[in-house]
Amino acid sequence: MNALVISRPGAITLADVPRPDRDGECLIRVRRAGVCGTDLQILEGYAEFTGIPGHEFVGVVEHAPAADAVWVGKRVVGEINIGCRHCDWCARGIKEHCDNRSVVGIRQHDGAFAEYVSLPAVNLHEVPGSMDDETAVFAEPVAAACRIFEQMAVAPDARVAIVGDGRMGLLVAQVLRTAAPDVTVFGRHEAKLAVARALDLSAELSDARVPGSARFDIVVDVTGRPEGLRRALELVKPRGTVVMKSTFHGEAPIATWPVVVDEVTLVGSRCGPFRPALDLLASGAVQVKPLISRIARLEEYESAFAEARRALKVLFQVP
């Protein structure tokens, strides 16, 4: 099968490789795969991953173990963390923190920038028949946004700021708006802020002055850059919460005394629940079509990754 393969940080090529064949996993023919900020960081060395990247996908199950044969023919999306099923974390149903987990396209498991990907049936979620592939492929990042609701209560009158006007920022903003209507996106790109406004979100340039009296109850950093956390701490009010969604190759130097003095809560936030994400996508509460800037073929990977670094969402269409 054709696949994009990372041999070392910064080196990715299109190659002909064997289809995945992992015991106990379903074989899924990929239809669409999305490029996200984590993928771009992986290309630069984040997580020191080698193999096939890509973890946002929608596809059709073509083969499954006998016990999971009911999945054959179903169109699915998939949770990316695969637990060992034996440790205390897995026994509690929290495979995201299993010490022995693999993570699709990120850690010890080939990903979805390929004609086929494999996953255990327990990781799969069927896509509603009314939902097209271009919408379904956003299930994983929307689920990551929904994780915030599992970690904290978002009051209807909370004032929320999103630092970062990229694809993830606009998804998080739409998800949080379902609980708290007062959401403002801060970003550096007028074109992306225009998309936010078209989605009926408030939008401001990153360096917009915010007086102390107008700071926010909840601030989410989704910049994917070291300076994002610093800006988030500038925007949050005392006893507010900063949610950290950025993963990047490097460190984020910050002054910690404001966190202590203002009694700010810092929350790390990663993967989340797929069923609420699919419900939000199906209902139209989260709109994704305005985020898609290009649908590329695997062989166009060089220009596709270049565009993903400056545009919103690039998808791979896999034949």
Protein backbone atom coordinates (compact mmCIF):
# COMPACT_ATOMS: atom_id res chain seq x y z
CA MET A 1 0.00 0.00 0.00
CA ASN A 2 1.05 3.63 -0.40
CA ALA A 3 1.92 5.44 2.82
CA LEU A 4 3.82 8.47 4.05
CA VAL A 5 6.71 7.24 6.18
CA ILE A 6 8.96 9.18 8.58
CA SER A 7 12.41 7.59 8.67
CA ARG A 8 13.93 10.27 10.93
CA PRO A 9 12.87 13.73 12.14
CA GLY A 10 12.32 15.98 9.15
CA ALA A 11 12.50 13.14 6.62
CA ILE A 12 9.22 11.87 5.19
CA THR A 13 8.64 10.06 1.90
CA LEU A 14 5.87 8.31 0.01
CA ALA A 15 6.63 4.59 0.05
CA ASP A 16 5.12 1.24 -0.83
CA VAL A 17 4.82 -0.69 2.45
CA PRO A 18 2.91 -3.79 3.62
CA ARG A 19 -0.63 -3.38 4.89
CA PRO A 20 -0.88 -3.36 8.70
CA ASP A 21 -1.34 -6.81 10.18
CA ARG A 22 -1.68 -6.56 13.96
CA ASP A 23 -3.25 -9.35 15.99
CA GLY A 24 -6.66 -8.50 17.36
CA GLU A 25 -7.09 -5.33 15.29
CA CYS A 26 -9.48 -4.37 12.51
CA LEU A 27 -8.10 -3.39 9.11
CA ILE A 28 -9.58 -0.07 7.97
CA ARG A 29 -9.38 1.36 4.46
CA VAL A 30 -8.73 5.09 4.93
CA ARG A 31 -10.96 7.53 3.03
CA ARG A 32 -9.91 10.86 4.51
CA ALA A 33 -7.13 11.81 6.92
CA GLY A 34 -6.57 15.22 8.48
CA VAL A 35 -3.30 17.06 9.06
CA CYS A 36 -3.12 18.64 12.52
CA GLY A 37 -0.58 20.68 14.42
CA THR A 38 0.73 17.62 16.24
CA ASP A 39 1.51 15.97 12.90
CA LEU A 40 3.54 19.02 11.89
CA GLN A 41 5.38 18.92 15.21
CA ILE A 42 6.09 15.21 14.71
CA LEU A 43 7.67 16.03 11.35
CA GLU A 44 10.04 18.30 13.29
CA GLY A 45 10.93 15.65 15.87
CA TYR A 46 8.21 15.81 18.51
CA ALA A 47 7.83 12.42 20.26
CA GLU A 48 10.78 11.10 18.19
CA PHE A 49 8.28 9.11 16.14
CA THR A 50 9.27 7.05 13.13
CA GLY A 51 6.78 5.25 10.92
CA ILE A 52 3.49 6.35 9.36
CA PRO A 53 2.05 9.52 10.97
CA GLY A 54 -1.54 10.71 10.99
CA HIS A 55 -4.24 10.13 13.63
CA GLU A 56 -7.36 11.91 12.36
CA PHE A 57 -9.20 9.69 9.89
CA VAL A 58 -12.42 8.23 8.62
CA GLY A 59 -12.50 4.90 6.82
CA VAL A 60 -14.29 1.62 6.19
CA VAL A 61 -13.52 -1.61 8.04
CA GLU A 62 -12.49 -4.25 5.50
CA HIS A 63 -11.36 -7.05 7.81
CA ALA A 64 -11.81 -7.83 11.48
CA PRO A 65 -11.10 -10.67 13.92
CA ALA A 66 -13.92 -13.21 14.08
CA ALA A 67 -15.18 -11.81 17.38
CA ASP A 68 -15.49 -8.35 15.81
CA ALA A 69 -16.90 -9.35 12.41
CA VAL A 70 -19.91 -7.07 12.94
CA TRP A 71 -17.63 -4.11 12.16
CA VAL A 72 -16.83 -5.23 8.61
CA GLY A 73 -18.31 -2.79 6.10
CA LYS A 74 -18.96 -0.06 8.66
CA ARG A 75 -17.64 3.48 8.17
CA VAL A 76 -15.74 4.45 11.30
CA VAL A 77 -13.56 6.91 13.12
CA GLY A 78 -11.20 5.78 15.85
CA GLU A 79 -9.81 6.68 19.26
CA ILE A 80 -6.04 6.89 18.96
CA ASN A 81 -4.85 5.50 22.32
CA ILE A 82 -4.44 1.72 22.52
CA GLY A 83 -4.02 0.42 26.05
CA CYS A 84 -2.35 -2.75 27.25
CA ARG A 85 -5.67 -3.86 28.86
CA HIS A 86 -3.84 -5.22 31.91
CA CYS A 87 -2.66 -2.24 33.99
CA ASP A 88 -4.58 -0.27 36.62
CA TRP A 89 -5.24 2.60 34.17
CA CYS A 90 -6.80 0.25 31.63
CA ALA A 91 -8.84 -1.49 34.35
CA ARG A 92 -10.29 1.95 35.15
CA GLY A 93 -11.08 2.58 31.49
CA ILE A 94 -8.41 5.29 31.13
CA LYS A 95 -6.23 3.91 28.36
CA GLU A 96 -5.00 7.44 27.57
CA HIS A 97 -2.58 7.15 30.50
CA CYS A 98 -1.63 3.49 30.22
CA ASP A 99 2.16 3.34 30.65
CA ASN A 100 2.36 0.73 27.91
CA ARG A 101 -0.05 2.37 25.47
CA SER A 102 0.61 2.92 21.81
CA VAL A 103 -0.84 5.95 20.04
CA VAL A 104 -1.86 5.94 16.39
CA GLY A 105 0.63 7.89 14.31
CA ILE A 106 2.41 9.19 17.40
CA ARG A 107 3.81 6.35 19.50
CA GLN A 108 4.63 2.78 18.47
CA HIS A 109 1.69 2.44 16.09
CA ASP A 110 1.51 3.35 12.41
CA GLY A 111 -1.02 6.00 11.53
CA ALA A 112 -3.52 7.04 8.89
CA PHE A 113 -1.47 8.81 6.21
CA ALA A 114 -1.78 5.59 4.28
CA GLU A 115 -4.25 3.49 2.35
CA TYR A 116 -4.91 1.35 5.44
CA VAL A 117 -4.70 1.73 9.21
CA SER A 118 -5.53 -0.78 11.95
CA LEU A 119 -7.18 -0.43 15.36
CA PRO A 120 -8.84 -2.67 17.96
CA ALA A 121 -12.63 -2.73 17.61
CA VAL A 122 -12.96 -1.22 21.09
CA ASN A 123 -11.45 1.99 19.69
CA LEU A 124 -13.93 2.32 16.82
CA HIS A 125 -17.06 4.47 16.51
CA GLU A 126 -19.51 4.13 13.66
CA VAL A 127 -20.15 7.29 11.65
CA PRO A 128 -23.80 8.28 11.12
CA GLY A 129 -24.94 7.60 7.58
CA SER A 130 -25.98 11.23 7.09
CA MET A 131 -22.48 12.55 7.87
CA ASP A 132 -20.02 12.98 5.00
CA ASP A 133 -16.36 12.06 5.17
CA GLU A 134 -15.17 15.68 5.25
CA THR A 135 -17.13 16.21 8.46
CA ALA A 136 -16.44 12.84 10.09
CA VAL A 137 -12.66 13.23 9.79
CA PHE A 138 -12.89 16.01 12.40
CA ALA A 139 -14.20 13.64 15.09
CA GLU A 140 -10.83 13.21 16.83
CA PRO A 141 -9.99 16.92 17.30
CA VAL A 142 -13.58 17.75 18.27
CA ALA A 143 -13.39 14.94 20.84
CA ALA A 144 -10.21 16.55 22.20
CA ALA A 145 -12.15 19.78 22.61
CA CYS A 146 -14.96 17.92 24.38
CA ARG A 147 -12.41 16.63 26.90
CA ILE A 148 -12.56 20.06 28.57
CA PHE A 149 -16.17 19.37 29.62
CA GLU A 150 -15.00 16.19 31.38
CA GLN A 151 -12.33 18.11 33.29
CA MET A 152 -14.24 21.15 34.49
CA ALA A 153 -17.66 22.72 34.72
CA VAL A 154 -18.19 25.50 32.18
CA ALA A 155 -20.85 27.84 33.55
CA PRO A 156 -23.25 29.45 31.07
CA ASP A 157 -22.13 32.92 32.16
CA ALA A 158 -18.40 32.14 31.95
CA ARG A 159 -16.31 34.41 29.74
CA VAL A 160 -14.04 32.25 27.57
CA ALA A 161 -10.97 33.15 25.51
CA ILE A 162 -9.27 30.96 22.95
CA VAL A 163 -5.63 31.83 22.26
CA GLY A 164 -4.89 30.61 18.75
CA ASP A 165 -6.86 31.09 15.54
CA GLY A 166 -5.86 27.83 13.84
CA ARG A 167 -7.95 24.76 13.11
CA MET A 168 -7.96 23.49 16.69
CA GLY A 169 -8.67 26.92 18.12
CA LEU A 170 -11.76 27.34 15.98
CA LEU A 171 -13.00 23.87 16.93
CA VAL A 172 -12.46 24.44 20.67
CA ALA A 173 -14.22 27.80 20.41
CA GLN A 174 -17.29 26.23 18.80
CA VAL A 175 -17.42 23.37 21.28
CA LEU A 176 -17.16 25.63 24.35
CA ARG A 177 -19.75 27.99 22.88
CA THR A 178 -22.33 25.20 23.30
CA ALA A 179 -21.97 25.69 27.07
CA ALA A 180 -20.95 29.36 27.39
CA PRO A 181 -21.98 31.75 24.57
CA ASP A 182 -19.38 34.45 25.42
CA VAL A 183 -16.32 33.13 23.54
CA THR A 184 -13.57 35.27 22.01
CA VAL A 185 -10.82 33.98 19.71
CA PHE A 186 -7.43 35.74 19.83
CA GLY A 187 -5.13 35.20 16.86
CA ARG A 188 -2.42 36.61 14.63
CA HIS A 189 -4.00 36.09 11.21
CA GLU A 190 -6.75 38.33 9.85
CA ALA A 191 -7.87 35.69 7.35
CA LYS A 192 -8.35 33.08 10.07
CA LEU A 193 -10.04 35.59 12.38
CA ALA A 194 -12.41 36.34 9.51
CA VAL A 195 -13.35 32.65 9.47
CA ALA A 196 -14.00 32.86 13.21
CA ARG A 197 -16.30 35.84 12.69
CA ALA A 198 -18.09 34.00 9.88
CA LEU A 199 -18.78 31.28 12.46
CA ASP A 200 -20.37 33.99 14.67
CA LEU A 201 -17.46 34.01 17.10
CA SER A 202 -15.94 37.17 18.53
CA ALA A 203 -12.36 37.58 17.30
CA GLU A 204 -9.45 39.86 18.20
CA LEU A 205 -5.79 40.19 17.28
CA SER A 206 -3.49 38.46 19.75
CA ASP A 207 -1.95 41.67 21.03
CA ALA A 208 -5.29 43.40 21.59
CA ARG A 209 -5.28 45.22 24.91
CA VAL A 210 -7.51 43.62 27.53
CA PRO A 211 -7.96 45.62 30.74
CA GLY A 212 -7.78 43.76 34.01
CA SER A 213 -11.48 44.16 34.59
CA ALA A 214 -12.21 42.40 31.28
CA ARG A 215 -10.07 39.31 31.79
CA PHE A 216 -11.57 35.86 31.26
CA ASP A 217 -12.80 33.06 33.49
CA ILE A 218 -11.44 30.35 31.18
CA VAL A 219 -8.60 30.69 28.68
CA VAL A 220 -7.56 27.87 26.36
CA ASP A 221 -4.11 27.90 24.74
CA VAL A 222 -4.23 26.18 21.35
CA THR A 223 -1.46 28.13 19.64
CA GLY A 224 0.99 25.25 19.40
CA ARG A 225 3.69 27.79 20.24
CA PRO A 226 5.72 28.50 23.41
CA GLU A 227 4.39 32.05 23.76
CA GLY A 228 0.77 30.89 23.79
CA LEU A 229 0.78 29.92 27.46
CA ARG A 230 2.26 33.26 28.44
CA ARG A 231 -0.52 35.11 26.60
CA ALA A 232 -3.14 32.84 28.16
CA LEU A 233 -1.89 33.78 31.63
CA GLU A 234 -2.15 37.45 30.71
CA LEU A 235 -5.79 37.02 29.72
CA VAL A 236 -7.07 34.93 32.63
CA LYS A 237 -8.62 36.58 35.66
CA PRO A 238 -7.59 35.74 39.25
CA ARG A 239 -8.88 32.30 40.25
CA GLY A 240 -9.58 31.57 36.62
CA THR A 241 -8.51 28.50 34.67
CA VAL A 242 -6.02 28.11 31.84
CA VAL A 243 -6.46 24.98 29.73
CA MET A 244 -3.30 23.87 27.93
CA LYS A 245 -4.02 22.21 24.58
CA SER A 246 -0.73 22.96 22.81
CA THR A 247 1.79 20.24 22.06
CA PHE A 248 5.04 21.32 20.48
CA HIS A 249 8.66 20.35 20.17
CA GLY A 250 10.31 22.53 22.81
CA GLU A 251 9.65 24.33 26.09
CA ALA A 252 7.40 27.21 27.14
CA PRO A 253 9.27 29.55 29.49
CA ILE A 254 6.86 31.45 31.75
CA ALA A 255 6.97 33.43 34.96
CA THR A 256 5.22 31.28 37.55
CA TRP A 257 4.61 33.93 40.20
CA PRO A 258 1.39 35.23 38.53
CA VAL A 259 -0.02 31.70 38.69
CA VAL A 260 0.57 31.65 42.45
CA VAL A 261 -0.46 35.24 43.20
CA ASP A 262 -3.62 35.09 41.08
CA GLU A 263 -4.40 31.51 42.17
CA VAL A 264 -4.77 30.37 38.59
CA THR A 265 -5.63 26.75 37.86
CA LEU A 266 -3.61 25.13 35.05
CA VAL A 267 -5.23 22.15 33.33
CA GLY A 268 -3.45 19.93 30.85
CA SER A 269 -5.93 18.53 28.34
CA ARG A 270 -5.49 15.96 25.60
CA CYS A 271 -7.75 13.31 24.04
CA GLY A 272 -11.48 13.19 24.62
CA PRO A 273 -14.81 11.37 24.11
CA PHE A 274 -15.89 10.55 20.56
CA ARG A 275 -19.64 10.10 21.04
CA PRO A 276 -20.31 13.70 22.15
CA ALA A 277 -18.01 14.89 19.36
CA LEU A 278 -19.98 12.98 16.71
CA ASP A 279 -23.22 14.34 18.18
CA LEU A 280 -21.97 17.94 17.93
CA LEU A 281 -20.84 17.39 14.35
CA ALA A 282 -24.13 15.71 13.40
CA SER A 283 -26.21 18.50 14.93
CA GLY A 284 -24.27 21.23 13.17
CA ALA A 285 -23.29 22.88 16.46
CA VAL A 286 -19.68 22.55 15.27
CA GLN A 287 -19.15 23.62 11.67
CA VAL A 288 -16.04 22.25 9.95
CA LYS A 289 -16.45 22.89 6.22
CA PRO A 290 -15.28 26.55 6.52
CA LEU A 291 -12.00 25.25 7.99
CA ILE A 292 -11.05 23.03 5.04
CA SER A 293 -8.53 24.80 2.84
CA ARG A 294 -7.44 21.88 0.67
CA ILE A 295 -8.04 18.20 -0.03
CA ALA A 296 -4.80 16.64 -1.36
CA ARG A 297 -3.59 13.26 -2.53
CA LEU A 298 -0.85 11.44 -0.62
CA GLU A 299 1.64 12.07 -3.41
CA GLU A 300 1.11 15.81 -2.93
CA TYR A 301 2.37 15.60 0.65
CA GLU A 302 5.14 18.19 0.35
CA SER A 303 2.84 21.00 -0.76
CA ALA A 304 0.07 19.71 1.53
CA PHE A 305 2.26 19.98 4.64
CA ALA A 306 3.53 23.39 3.53
CA GLU A 307 -0.05 24.62 3.17
CA ALA A 308 -1.05 23.10 6.52
CA ARG A 309 1.60 25.25 8.19
CA ARG A 310 -0.03 28.48 7.01
CA ALA A 311 -3.67 27.63 6.25
CA LEU A 312 -6.42 26.04 8.31
CA LYS A 313 -7.26 22.38 7.61
CA VAL A 314 -5.65 20.20 4.96
CA LEU A 315 -7.08 16.74 4.35
CA PHE A 316 -5.67 13.79 2.47
CA GLN A 317 -8.09 11.99 0.20
CA VAL A 318 -6.94 8.41 -0.01
CA PRO A 319 -8.08 6.48 -3.09
